[in-house]
Amino acid sequence: MSVQSDISLMPGQLLARGVSRHLASHGFSVVEEFCPERGKRVDVMALGQKGEIWVVECKSSRADFRADGKWQGYLDWCDRYFWAVDQMFPTDLLPEGTGLIIADAYDAEILRMAPETKLAGARRNALIRRFAAHAARRLQLLRDPDFGLESY
């Protein structure tokens, strides 16, 4: 497998990589750019060892944050919701009642834990199955780039 160069990644993707590394170091399985349902795409979805589901939206600038009017629709798809930003981001813009992660391309730190709102069991079960299927398809595409392009 080849390693993707930092130069080819957008600023938000670099933040997502650092967040993913950090969460993985705490036992989470992580998928970037995951669609919990049609029309929604979260930057990072993390599945914990006890089935907890976290969503992290990565914002690389004030303009990026202000352009995102759909974030509240993601609250129904996770137990905890976080923003991930870099050290220079004006964190006072971020809504109260959400988690805060400071990240760079290589690591991250949770500065404010998000409040927990437990998902309903049926939604959690369906989301975990979708997460697993998505992760398996991504792995297969790494090994066989022509695999299932029409269904992915």
N, C-alpha and C. Protein backbone atom coordinates (compact mmCIF):
# COMPACT_ATOMS: atom_id res chain seq x y z
N MET A 1 0.83 -1.18 0.00
CA MET A 1 0.00 0.00 0.00
C MET A 1 0.87 1.24 0.00
N SER A 2 0.50 2.23 -0.77
CA SER A 2 1.26 3.47 -0.77
C SER A 2 0.65 4.44 0.24
N VAL A 3 1.48 5.33 0.74
CA VAL A 3 1.03 6.32 1.70
C VAL A 3 0.74 7.60 0.94
N GLN A 4 -0.44 8.17 1.19
CA GLN A 4 -0.83 9.38 0.50
C GLN A 4 -0.05 10.56 1.04
N SER A 5 0.47 11.39 0.15
CA SER A 5 1.26 12.55 0.53
C SER A 5 0.38 13.60 1.20
N ASP A 6 0.95 14.28 2.20
CA ASP A 6 0.23 15.38 2.87
C ASP A 6 -0.16 16.47 1.88
N ILE A 7 0.64 16.65 0.85
CA ILE A 7 0.40 17.72 -0.13
C ILE A 7 -0.93 17.53 -0.84
N SER A 8 -1.34 16.29 -1.07
CA SER A 8 -2.57 16.04 -1.82
C SER A 8 -3.82 16.09 -0.96
N LEU A 9 -3.67 16.25 0.35
CA LEU A 9 -4.82 16.29 1.24
C LEU A 9 -5.24 17.72 1.52
N MET A 10 -6.55 17.93 1.60
CA MET A 10 -7.10 19.24 1.94
C MET A 10 -6.93 19.47 3.45
N PRO A 11 -6.98 20.73 3.91
CA PRO A 11 -6.80 21.00 5.34
C PRO A 11 -7.75 20.22 6.25
N GLY A 12 -9.01 20.10 5.89
CA GLY A 12 -9.96 19.34 6.69
C GLY A 12 -9.62 17.86 6.73
N GLN A 13 -9.08 17.32 5.63
CA GLN A 13 -8.67 15.92 5.59
C GLN A 13 -7.46 15.67 6.49
N LEU A 14 -6.58 16.65 6.57
CA LEU A 14 -5.43 16.53 7.47
C LEU A 14 -5.90 16.50 8.92
N LEU A 15 -6.87 17.35 9.26
CA LEU A 15 -7.43 17.33 10.61
C LEU A 15 -8.08 15.98 10.89
N ALA A 16 -8.83 15.47 9.91
CA ALA A 16 -9.51 14.17 10.08
C ALA A 16 -8.50 13.06 10.30
N ARG A 17 -7.37 13.13 9.63
CA ARG A 17 -6.34 12.11 9.83
C ARG A 17 -5.79 12.15 11.25
N GLY A 18 -5.50 13.35 11.75
CA GLY A 18 -5.01 13.47 13.13
C GLY A 18 -6.03 13.00 14.15
N VAL A 19 -7.30 13.36 13.93
CA VAL A 19 -8.39 12.91 14.81
C VAL A 19 -8.50 11.39 14.77
N SER A 20 -8.46 10.83 13.58
CA SER A 20 -8.58 9.38 13.43
C SER A 20 -7.45 8.65 14.14
N ARG A 21 -6.25 9.16 14.02
CA ARG A 21 -5.11 8.55 14.72
C ARG A 21 -5.32 8.59 16.23
N HIS A 22 -5.77 9.74 16.72
CA HIS A 22 -5.97 9.90 18.16
C HIS A 22 -7.04 8.95 18.67
N LEU A 23 -8.18 8.90 17.99
CA LEU A 23 -9.27 8.04 18.44
C LEU A 23 -8.87 6.56 18.34
N ALA A 24 -8.16 6.21 17.29
CA ALA A 24 -7.70 4.82 17.16
C ALA A 24 -6.77 4.45 18.31
N SER A 25 -5.97 5.39 18.77
CA SER A 25 -5.06 5.10 19.89
C SER A 25 -5.82 4.86 21.19
N HIS A 26 -7.10 5.24 21.21
CA HIS A 26 -7.96 5.00 22.38
C HIS A 26 -8.94 3.86 22.15
N GLY A 27 -8.66 3.02 21.14
CA GLY A 27 -9.46 1.82 20.92
C GLY A 27 -10.67 1.98 20.02
N PHE A 28 -10.84 3.14 19.39
CA PHE A 28 -11.96 3.34 18.46
C PHE A 28 -11.59 2.82 17.08
N SER A 29 -12.58 2.30 16.37
CA SER A 29 -12.47 2.02 14.94
C SER A 29 -13.01 3.26 14.25
N VAL A 30 -12.32 3.71 13.22
CA VAL A 30 -12.64 5.02 12.64
C VAL A 30 -12.82 4.91 11.14
N VAL A 31 -13.83 5.62 10.62
CA VAL A 31 -14.04 5.74 9.18
C VAL A 31 -14.20 7.23 8.88
N GLU A 32 -13.47 7.69 7.89
CA GLU A 32 -13.60 9.08 7.44
C GLU A 32 -14.62 9.14 6.30
N GLU A 33 -15.28 10.29 6.19
CA GLU A 33 -16.28 10.54 5.15
C GLU A 33 -17.31 9.42 5.07
N PHE A 34 -18.04 9.28 6.14
CA PHE A 34 -19.05 8.22 6.28
C PHE A 34 -20.45 8.81 6.14
N CYS A 35 -21.32 8.11 5.42
CA CYS A 35 -22.71 8.55 5.23
C CYS A 35 -23.63 7.71 6.11
N PRO A 36 -24.11 8.30 7.21
CA PRO A 36 -25.03 7.53 8.07
C PRO A 36 -26.38 7.30 7.41
N GLU A 37 -26.76 8.20 6.51
CA GLU A 37 -27.97 8.03 5.68
C GLU A 37 -27.79 8.88 4.44
N ARG A 38 -28.60 8.63 3.45
CA ARG A 38 -28.52 9.38 2.20
C ARG A 38 -28.63 10.88 2.46
N GLY A 39 -27.69 11.64 1.87
CA GLY A 39 -27.71 13.09 2.00
C GLY A 39 -26.90 13.63 3.16
N LYS A 40 -26.34 12.76 3.97
CA LYS A 40 -25.51 13.19 5.10
C LYS A 40 -24.14 12.53 4.97
N ARG A 41 -23.08 13.33 5.19
CA ARG A 41 -21.71 12.79 5.17
C ARG A 41 -20.93 13.43 6.30
N VAL A 42 -20.53 12.63 7.26
CA VAL A 42 -19.76 13.14 8.39
C VAL A 42 -18.27 12.97 8.08
N ASP A 43 -17.46 13.87 8.63
CA ASP A 43 -16.03 13.81 8.37
C ASP A 43 -15.39 12.59 9.02
N VAL A 44 -15.73 12.32 10.28
CA VAL A 44 -15.18 11.17 10.99
C VAL A 44 -16.28 10.53 11.82
N MET A 45 -16.44 9.22 11.68
CA MET A 45 -17.32 8.48 12.57
C MET A 45 -16.44 7.44 13.27
N ALA A 46 -16.60 7.38 14.60
CA ALA A 46 -15.79 6.47 15.39
C ALA A 46 -16.69 5.54 16.18
N LEU A 47 -16.32 4.28 16.19
CA LEU A 47 -17.05 3.24 16.90
C LEU A 47 -16.18 2.71 18.03
N GLY A 48 -16.66 2.87 19.26
CA GLY A 48 -15.90 2.45 20.43
C GLY A 48 -16.08 0.99 20.75
N GLN A 49 -15.27 0.51 21.67
CA GLN A 49 -15.26 -0.90 22.05
C GLN A 49 -16.56 -1.36 22.70
N LYS A 50 -17.32 -0.43 23.25
CA LYS A 50 -18.60 -0.77 23.88
C LYS A 50 -19.79 -0.40 22.99
N GLY A 51 -19.50 -0.11 21.72
CA GLY A 51 -20.57 0.21 20.77
C GLY A 51 -20.95 1.68 20.73
N GLU A 52 -20.21 2.53 21.46
CA GLU A 52 -20.51 3.96 21.42
C GLU A 52 -20.09 4.54 20.07
N ILE A 53 -20.86 5.52 19.61
CA ILE A 53 -20.62 6.11 18.30
C ILE A 53 -20.42 7.61 18.47
N TRP A 54 -19.28 8.08 17.97
CA TRP A 54 -18.96 9.50 18.00
C TRP A 54 -18.87 10.02 16.57
N VAL A 55 -19.31 11.26 16.38
CA VAL A 55 -19.16 11.96 15.11
C VAL A 55 -18.27 13.17 15.36
N VAL A 56 -17.32 13.37 14.44
CA VAL A 56 -16.42 14.52 14.52
C VAL A 56 -16.48 15.25 13.18
N GLU A 57 -16.82 16.52 13.24
CA GLU A 57 -16.78 17.38 12.05
C GLU A 57 -15.52 18.23 12.12
N CYS A 58 -14.73 18.21 11.06
CA CYS A 58 -13.45 18.92 11.00
C CYS A 58 -13.62 20.23 10.26
N LYS A 59 -13.24 21.31 10.90
CA LYS A 59 -13.37 22.64 10.30
C LYS A 59 -12.00 23.29 10.23
N SER A 60 -11.60 23.64 9.02
CA SER A 60 -10.26 24.17 8.79
C SER A 60 -10.19 25.69 8.83
N SER A 61 -11.35 26.35 8.86
CA SER A 61 -11.34 27.82 8.88
C SER A 61 -12.70 28.33 9.35
N ARG A 62 -12.73 29.61 9.65
CA ARG A 62 -13.98 30.27 10.03
C ARG A 62 -15.00 30.15 8.90
N ALA A 63 -14.56 30.36 7.66
CA ALA A 63 -15.47 30.28 6.51
C ALA A 63 -16.03 28.87 6.36
N ASP A 64 -15.19 27.87 6.56
CA ASP A 64 -15.62 26.47 6.49
C ASP A 64 -16.71 26.20 7.54
N PHE A 65 -16.51 26.69 8.74
CA PHE A 65 -17.50 26.51 9.80
C PHE A 65 -18.81 27.23 9.47
N ARG A 66 -18.71 28.47 9.05
CA ARG A 66 -19.92 29.27 8.77
C ARG A 66 -20.73 28.69 7.60
N ALA A 67 -20.06 28.01 6.69
CA ALA A 67 -20.75 27.42 5.53
C ALA A 67 -21.50 26.14 5.88
N ASP A 68 -21.25 25.59 7.07
CA ASP A 68 -21.84 24.31 7.46
C ASP A 68 -23.13 24.54 8.25
N GLY A 69 -24.26 24.48 7.56
CA GLY A 69 -25.54 24.66 8.23
C GLY A 69 -26.24 23.35 8.54
N LYS A 70 -25.61 22.24 8.24
CA LYS A 70 -26.28 20.94 8.38
C LYS A 70 -25.81 20.13 9.58
N TRP A 71 -24.90 20.64 10.38
CA TRP A 71 -24.29 19.85 11.44
C TRP A 71 -25.30 19.33 12.45
N GLN A 72 -26.36 20.07 12.73
CA GLN A 72 -27.33 19.62 13.73
C GLN A 72 -28.05 18.34 13.30
N GLY A 73 -28.11 18.10 11.98
CA GLY A 73 -28.70 16.87 11.47
C GLY A 73 -27.88 15.63 11.80
N TYR A 74 -26.62 15.82 12.20
CA TYR A 74 -25.76 14.69 12.55
C TYR A 74 -25.95 14.25 13.99
N LEU A 75 -26.57 15.08 14.80
CA LEU A 75 -26.74 14.76 16.22
C LEU A 75 -27.57 13.50 16.43
N ASP A 76 -28.49 13.22 15.52
CA ASP A 76 -29.34 12.03 15.62
C ASP A 76 -28.60 10.74 15.26
N TRP A 77 -27.33 10.84 14.88
CA TRP A 77 -26.58 9.69 14.40
C TRP A 77 -25.36 9.37 15.27
N CYS A 78 -25.34 9.90 16.49
CA CYS A 78 -24.18 9.64 17.35
C CYS A 78 -24.55 9.78 18.82
N ASP A 79 -23.70 9.21 19.66
CA ASP A 79 -23.83 9.36 21.11
C ASP A 79 -23.14 10.65 21.58
N ARG A 80 -22.09 11.04 20.87
CA ARG A 80 -21.35 12.27 21.20
C ARG A 80 -20.95 12.95 19.89
N TYR A 81 -21.04 14.29 19.89
CA TYR A 81 -20.71 15.08 18.70
C TYR A 81 -19.57 16.06 19.03
N PHE A 82 -18.55 16.06 18.18
CA PHE A 82 -17.37 16.92 18.38
C PHE A 82 -17.08 17.77 17.15
N TRP A 83 -16.43 18.89 17.41
CA TRP A 83 -15.78 19.69 16.37
C TRP A 83 -14.29 19.45 16.50
N ALA A 84 -13.60 19.33 15.38
CA ALA A 84 -12.14 19.27 15.38
C ALA A 84 -11.63 20.46 14.58
N VAL A 85 -10.75 21.22 15.21
CA VAL A 85 -10.17 22.42 14.59
C VAL A 85 -8.69 22.47 14.91
N ASP A 86 -7.97 23.35 14.22
CA ASP A 86 -6.55 23.50 14.55
C ASP A 86 -6.38 24.53 15.66
N GLN A 87 -5.16 24.71 16.11
CA GLN A 87 -4.88 25.60 17.24
C GLN A 87 -5.24 27.05 16.97
N MET A 88 -5.24 27.47 15.72
CA MET A 88 -5.49 28.87 15.38
C MET A 88 -6.98 29.19 15.22
N PHE A 89 -7.82 28.19 15.21
CA PHE A 89 -9.26 28.39 14.99
C PHE A 89 -9.87 29.15 16.17
N PRO A 90 -10.76 30.12 15.89
CA PRO A 90 -11.44 30.85 16.97
C PRO A 90 -12.55 29.98 17.59
N THR A 91 -12.21 29.24 18.62
CA THR A 91 -13.12 28.25 19.21
C THR A 91 -14.37 28.85 19.83
N ASP A 92 -14.37 30.17 20.08
CA ASP A 92 -15.57 30.80 20.63
C ASP A 92 -16.73 30.76 19.63
N LEU A 93 -16.47 30.46 18.37
CA LEU A 93 -17.52 30.33 17.36
C LEU A 93 -18.32 29.03 17.51
N LEU A 94 -17.71 28.03 18.12
CA LEU A 94 -18.31 26.70 18.18
C LEU A 94 -19.44 26.66 19.20
N PRO A 95 -20.54 26.00 18.86
CA PRO A 95 -21.72 25.96 19.74
C PRO A 95 -21.44 25.29 21.09
N GLU A 96 -22.06 25.80 22.12
CA GLU A 96 -22.02 25.17 23.43
C GLU A 96 -22.71 23.81 23.33
N GLY A 97 -22.39 22.91 24.22
CA GLY A 97 -23.05 21.61 24.22
C GLY A 97 -22.51 20.66 23.18
N THR A 98 -21.34 20.97 22.63
CA THR A 98 -20.67 20.07 21.69
C THR A 98 -19.24 19.87 22.18
N GLY A 99 -18.62 18.80 21.72
CA GLY A 99 -17.24 18.52 22.11
C GLY A 99 -16.26 19.31 21.27
N LEU A 100 -15.04 19.43 21.78
CA LEU A 100 -13.99 20.18 21.08
C LEU A 100 -12.71 19.37 21.07
N ILE A 101 -12.17 19.20 19.87
CA ILE A 101 -10.90 18.51 19.66
C ILE A 101 -9.97 19.47 18.92
N ILE A 102 -8.77 19.63 19.43
CA ILE A 102 -7.74 20.39 18.72
C ILE A 102 -6.86 19.35 18.02
N ALA A 103 -6.65 19.55 16.73
CA ALA A 103 -5.95 18.54 15.94
C ALA A 103 -4.98 19.18 14.95
N ASP A 104 -4.07 18.34 14.48
CA ASP A 104 -3.26 18.65 13.32
C ASP A 104 -3.22 17.38 12.48
N ALA A 105 -2.35 17.31 11.52
CA ALA A 105 -2.33 16.16 10.61
C ALA A 105 -1.86 14.87 11.26
N TYR A 106 -1.27 14.98 12.46
CA TYR A 106 -0.62 13.82 13.04
C TYR A 106 -1.23 13.32 14.34
N ASP A 107 -1.98 14.15 15.04
CA ASP A 107 -2.55 13.75 16.31
C ASP A 107 -3.63 14.75 16.69
N ALA A 108 -4.22 14.54 17.85
CA ALA A 108 -5.28 15.42 18.33
C ALA A 108 -5.37 15.31 19.84
N GLU A 109 -6.13 16.22 20.43
CA GLU A 109 -6.39 16.19 21.86
C GLU A 109 -7.82 16.65 22.11
N ILE A 110 -8.53 15.90 22.91
CA ILE A 110 -9.90 16.29 23.27
C ILE A 110 -9.80 17.32 24.38
N LEU A 111 -10.25 18.54 24.08
CA LEU A 111 -10.23 19.61 25.08
C LEU A 111 -11.54 19.69 25.86
N ARG A 112 -12.63 19.37 25.18
CA ARG A 112 -13.94 19.41 25.84
C ARG A 112 -14.72 18.17 25.41
N MET A 113 -15.05 17.33 26.39
CA MET A 113 -15.82 16.13 26.09
C MET A 113 -17.24 16.53 25.71
N ALA A 114 -17.74 15.92 24.67
CA ALA A 114 -19.12 16.18 24.24
C ALA A 114 -20.09 15.53 25.21
N PRO A 115 -21.23 16.17 25.43
CA PRO A 115 -22.24 15.52 26.26
C PRO A 115 -22.75 14.26 25.56
N GLU A 116 -23.18 13.30 26.36
CA GLU A 116 -23.65 12.04 25.81
C GLU A 116 -25.17 12.05 25.66
N THR A 117 -25.62 11.69 24.48
CA THR A 117 -27.03 11.47 24.19
C THR A 117 -27.10 10.12 23.51
N LYS A 118 -27.53 9.12 24.24
CA LYS A 118 -27.50 7.73 23.76
C LYS A 118 -28.45 7.52 22.58
N LEU A 119 -27.94 6.84 21.57
CA LEU A 119 -28.77 6.45 20.43
C LEU A 119 -29.76 5.37 20.85
N ALA A 120 -30.88 5.32 20.17
CA ALA A 120 -31.83 4.22 20.36
C ALA A 120 -31.18 2.94 19.87
N GLY A 121 -31.50 1.82 20.51
CA GLY A 121 -30.88 0.54 20.20
C GLY A 121 -31.00 0.14 18.74
N ALA A 122 -32.18 0.31 18.16
CA ALA A 122 -32.39 -0.10 16.76
C ALA A 122 -31.52 0.75 15.82
N ARG A 123 -31.44 2.05 16.08
CA ARG A 123 -30.61 2.91 15.23
C ARG A 123 -29.14 2.56 15.40
N ARG A 124 -28.70 2.31 16.64
CA ARG A 124 -27.30 1.94 16.88
C ARG A 124 -26.97 0.66 16.12
N ASN A 125 -27.83 -0.34 16.21
CA ASN A 125 -27.60 -1.61 15.54
C ASN A 125 -27.49 -1.42 14.03
N ALA A 126 -28.41 -0.68 13.45
CA ALA A 126 -28.37 -0.44 12.01
C ALA A 126 -27.12 0.34 11.61
N LEU A 127 -26.74 1.32 12.43
CA LEU A 127 -25.58 2.14 12.13
C LEU A 127 -24.28 1.34 12.25
N ILE A 128 -24.18 0.47 13.22
CA ILE A 128 -22.99 -0.38 13.36
C ILE A 128 -22.86 -1.31 12.16
N ARG A 129 -23.97 -1.87 11.71
CA ARG A 129 -23.93 -2.74 10.52
C ARG A 129 -23.50 -1.94 9.28
N ARG A 130 -24.02 -0.73 9.12
CA ARG A 130 -23.66 0.11 7.98
C ARG A 130 -22.18 0.49 8.05
N PHE A 131 -21.72 0.81 9.26
CA PHE A 131 -20.31 1.15 9.49
C PHE A 131 -19.41 -0.02 9.08
N ALA A 132 -19.75 -1.22 9.53
CA ALA A 132 -18.95 -2.41 9.22
C ALA A 132 -18.92 -2.68 7.72
N ALA A 133 -20.06 -2.59 7.07
CA ALA A 133 -20.11 -2.84 5.63
C ALA A 133 -19.29 -1.79 4.87
N HIS A 134 -19.41 -0.55 5.30
CA HIS A 134 -18.67 0.54 4.66
C HIS A 134 -17.15 0.32 4.81
N ALA A 135 -16.72 -0.02 6.03
CA ALA A 135 -15.30 -0.25 6.28
C ALA A 135 -14.79 -1.43 5.44
N ALA A 136 -15.57 -2.49 5.33
CA ALA A 136 -15.17 -3.65 4.54
C ALA A 136 -15.04 -3.28 3.06
N ARG A 137 -15.98 -2.50 2.53
CA ARG A 137 -15.89 -2.06 1.13
C ARG A 137 -14.65 -1.20 0.90
N ARG A 138 -14.36 -0.31 1.84
CA ARG A 138 -13.16 0.53 1.72
C ARG A 138 -11.90 -0.32 1.68
N LEU A 139 -11.82 -1.33 2.54
CA LEU A 139 -10.65 -2.20 2.55
C LEU A 139 -10.53 -2.95 1.23
N GLN A 140 -11.64 -3.46 0.73
CA GLN A 140 -11.61 -4.18 -0.54
C GLN A 140 -11.17 -3.26 -1.67
N LEU A 141 -11.62 -2.01 -1.67
CA LEU A 141 -11.23 -1.07 -2.72
C LEU A 141 -9.73 -0.77 -2.68
N LEU A 142 -9.12 -0.81 -1.51
CA LEU A 142 -7.66 -0.61 -1.43
C LEU A 142 -6.93 -1.74 -2.14
N ARG A 143 -7.44 -2.95 -1.98
CA ARG A 143 -6.80 -4.12 -2.59
C ARG A 143 -7.17 -4.28 -4.06
N ASP A 144 -8.37 -3.87 -4.41
CA ASP A 144 -8.88 -4.04 -5.77
C ASP A 144 -9.66 -2.79 -6.17
N PRO A 145 -8.98 -1.78 -6.71
CA PRO A 145 -9.63 -0.49 -6.99
C PRO A 145 -10.83 -0.57 -7.93
N ASP A 146 -10.94 -1.64 -8.71
CA ASP A 146 -12.09 -1.76 -9.62
C ASP A 146 -13.26 -2.50 -9.00
N PHE A 147 -13.13 -2.93 -7.74
CA PHE A 147 -14.17 -3.71 -7.06
C PHE A 147 -15.38 -2.85 -6.74
N GLY A 148 -16.53 -3.25 -7.19
CA GLY A 148 -17.81 -2.67 -6.77
C GLY A 148 -17.95 -1.18 -6.90
N LEU A 149 -17.34 -0.57 -7.89
CA LEU A 149 -17.42 0.88 -8.02
C LEU A 149 -18.85 1.36 -8.17
N GLU A 150 -19.67 0.60 -8.82
CA GLU A 150 -21.05 1.04 -9.05
C GLU A 150 -21.89 1.00 -7.78
N SER A 151 -21.52 0.18 -6.80
CA SER A 151 -22.33 0.10 -5.57
C SER A 151 -21.73 0.90 -4.43
N TYR A 152 -20.61 1.54 -4.61
CA TYR A 152 -19.94 2.25 -3.54
C TYR A 152 -20.25 3.69 -3.67
